[in-house]
Amino acid sequence: MRTPALPFRLALAAATGLLLVGGVVGAATVDDDGAETTDTAASASSGEAATPTTATGTLNQDTGGLGAATAQPASTTTTVGAGGPTTSVAAPVTTTAARRSGSGVPGPLVTPKVGAYVYDATTSSGDGAPSTTRATVTVEAAGSEGATTLQDISIPTDQFGQRTTIRSRVAWGASGAIVRRSQASGADCMWQPAWPQYTSGLKVGRSWSYDTRCTVTAPVQATIERRGSRRVTATQTVDAAGRSLPTWTIAVDETTTITTTLGVITVRSVGTEQLAPSLGVPVSKTEALSGTGIPPGSTSSLKLISLP
């Protein structure tokens, strides 16, 4: 029995918007004739605030040395669908912003300045020419809770031929940055538990992980689960937006799974980002993508070109 295409597209649209929160991902869709196509979009992760009572995940601290770990090894992911399990390989990737050794030491993580952050977003499917578009991330004040600052991070993007805004509620506090809520394409995801994108006290060797989920009811019923791990591997001075910025190199491995009555959507992202703690946002990010409907060898990258 053939699954109706239109409801499946709506499910994927809702899922994709939430997949975009926290990184650059490829959006898979199914046309009305049942043929599978892809659409890519960019999203800069502008942190998640953390309060000690809501931040969750596993934090590890190692004594790793200062190494320029700027590339991630190839990875594999297995997706189980109606036709059985399939496995795809994500190619190694490196960041694209200009990087060099420098004497600057990254300072403490600050709350991003309110305003617009403009990125160049480049996507490639491996067998086609890269495509670069402009992505603007908007940071808005959303009040405070004691010493915790709340912000709404909005990312407008084209998905499935429609303009979509992805909005995340981020709490910035003594523990770092914690993502509490994500909204996109009519879906309202209250993460249980709230998950840390960045922790405080960043240094080479520090790592943390998270496992969170939510249930949405619009435009379709879906359960969304996000599991990931992050590790600070090095420091780099990066030239971006007309500045030389000390950054932390953070290795990221994150998988998001969306389960609906129409099927399961899985996307894995493996890559690195250069976080400028003096800005509170990444100045660049590159990731290899694999999963449902994503062509082999797909990659996405961001480079900051303009600050508020």
Foldseek 3Di string as FASTA:
>chain_A
DDDQQPVQQLLQQFVVLVVQADFWAKGWGADRVRDIDIDTKHDFHLFAADDPVQEDWFKDFDPDDADCPFKDQKDKDWDQWPVGIDMFIFHIDGWDFDWDDDPDDFDWADHADFAKWKKWKWKDQAPDDIDTDIKIKGWAWDDADVQKTWIKIWTWIQDPNDIKIKIWIWIHHQFGIWTQWIDISHWTWGKVRIYGPDTTPDDARMKIWDWIWGWTPPPHTKIKIKIKMKGFHHWIFGCEQNDTAIWTKMWIWMKMWIDGPVIIWIKIWTRIFTHRSVRSTTQKIKTTMDTPSRRHHMMMMIHTHHDD
